Amino acid sequence: MLRPPAIHLRRFARGIITRKLEGLDKERRDMGPEKVDVVIVGGGISGLATAFWLVEQGLTVRLLEKEFAVGGTMKTLSERGFLIETGPNSALETTPHIREIVHLCGLTGEFIYANPVGRNRYILRNGTLHPLPLSPLAFLKTALFSTSAKLRLLREPFINRSLREESVAEFVTRRLGEEFLDYAVDPFVAGIYAARPEELSLRAAFPKLHALEERYGGLIKGMVQGRRERAERKETGKDRAESFSFVAGLQTFPLAIANKLGEVVVTGAKVTHIRDITLGDQVPPDEPDARRYCIEYLQNDQGREIESECVVLSVPSYAAAPLIHTLSPKTSKALSDIRYPPVVSVFLGYHGSQIRRPLDGFGFLVPLKERRNILGCLWSSSLFPVRAPSGHVALTAFVGGSRNPELCAHDDDHILGLVMEDLNSIMHIDGKPIYLKVTRWAKAIPQYVLGYHATLDILSAFEDAHPGLYFCSNYRGGISIGDCVQSARGIADRVRDHVSR
């Protein structure tokens, strides 16, 4: 029997108690700072997954999280029978490491895939929702693209590679034409990155798409060959990966990892400074990369210290920047310069009878050319029926991003008015929602803009100059939950190799 979501979340939350150093053994405190192999700063999914793999490999780890709950942007609420995701609404199973963690944390019975109807995705054009074609025949029949745009696609295999860095917009226009940019790529870039395609670096934001041209000379040829190669490696491409969540929502995932880690996780601990305390005579001639770091943090308004051989920074770039400023002002500035546009998510609950069109898909995205206020809308309860009471539906709309950041400055009532105006005209909704929840993210998603590889090079150079210090967050290696878990596994392996060298 399935547990009500709120009860289920509380069960996990009980396992995540604020760790207070007052509770540590006094004799141990009198011996000086705690010493561990690795300190991880940040308790979002990147930090938790890194800690999970390191503990599995037998290292002593301490994870410091400034909030009193883990999960970062992965937060789930249960109110009036609705299950509200205030951050990411679902995840793609793009790496086997996700299911491995799920299994080891005892979550297999709570893991759920999205309703298959979620494979249907809609794009707004001229005020009408058009399904995104999922097959060659559907592509030929769709009214989403004009005949000239479809014919333009035939040129793609014969277009030469670019010799310079391109934005997503430049790449798509060159290879596929402007109409594909406007009515396919632009809305998806807004939906994934909350970004504008003319600002994003293709190589940084969509490295696999860039690699198709570099390796195979074109997209169509590369996609065909790439699928064969992924099948041989037993990997799943994002275009084929299944969306998933948990019975009680996505926050179940970070809560379960933290519960599994136990006292490794210290909440309410705000890191303020990181110092390299390595003395010259402490570096063995045969181990030039040996380092020792002191991590200073505040807990219950008291200063604390912990020493470690490795530090993993798993916080947003703007939070990591001040922590390393004394070690490298250049790297600190590079982190500070990473832009995060604001996003407002609006959850709306309705009686099913109020919606006059079938909610037979993932939801819809809105191209810039449609001149609407919202970026798109997820049909949340179509994906996961547990997110709304019986006879009701749940929707989640998004406003802002790099497209319309100024809209996020308005108050909740104004934003709700904009959202409902768009939804009512697009989806033919009768009346007002019976439940509303507005969530604001002042700094939502890192933007992988043109020239972003220069930033990544600075981060790599910093790691080379400071052995044992690593960056692991969604501003590096991809922004999705699957990307973060995959990156965490890679960082954990690097840390293990460093400690056991």
Foldseek 3Di string as FASTA:
>chain_A
DDDQLVVLVVVLVVLQAADDPVPDDPVVVVVDFAEFAEEEEAQALLRLLLLLVLVVVPGQFAYEAQASAGHVQADWDADPLFIDGQFDFWFWCQDCLLVVLCVVLVNPVFKDFWDPLALWEWADDPLATWTDDDDPVCVVVTPLDDPVLVVQQVCQLVQFDDPDWAFQCVVCCRRRNNSCCQTPVQLVCCVFFVAGRRFATCCAAPVLQSVLCVPVVGDVRSVVVVVVVCVVVVGDDRNGTTIMATLSGNSSSSSSSCSVVRNSYHYSKAWQAKDWPDDPVNADPVHNQFTKMWIWIDHPNDIGIHMHRAYEYADQLQSVLRHCCVVPVVLSVLSNPFAFFKKKKKKFKAQPVQFPDDPRHQWYAYGVVVVAFWGTKGFSCNGPVSRHPPRMTMMMIMGDGPSRSVVLVDDPVVVVVRVCVSCCSSGVGPDGTPDMDMHMDRGRGTGNGPVNVVSVVVQVVSCVVNPRYYYQYCSPQHNGSSSSSVSSVVVSVSSVVSSVD
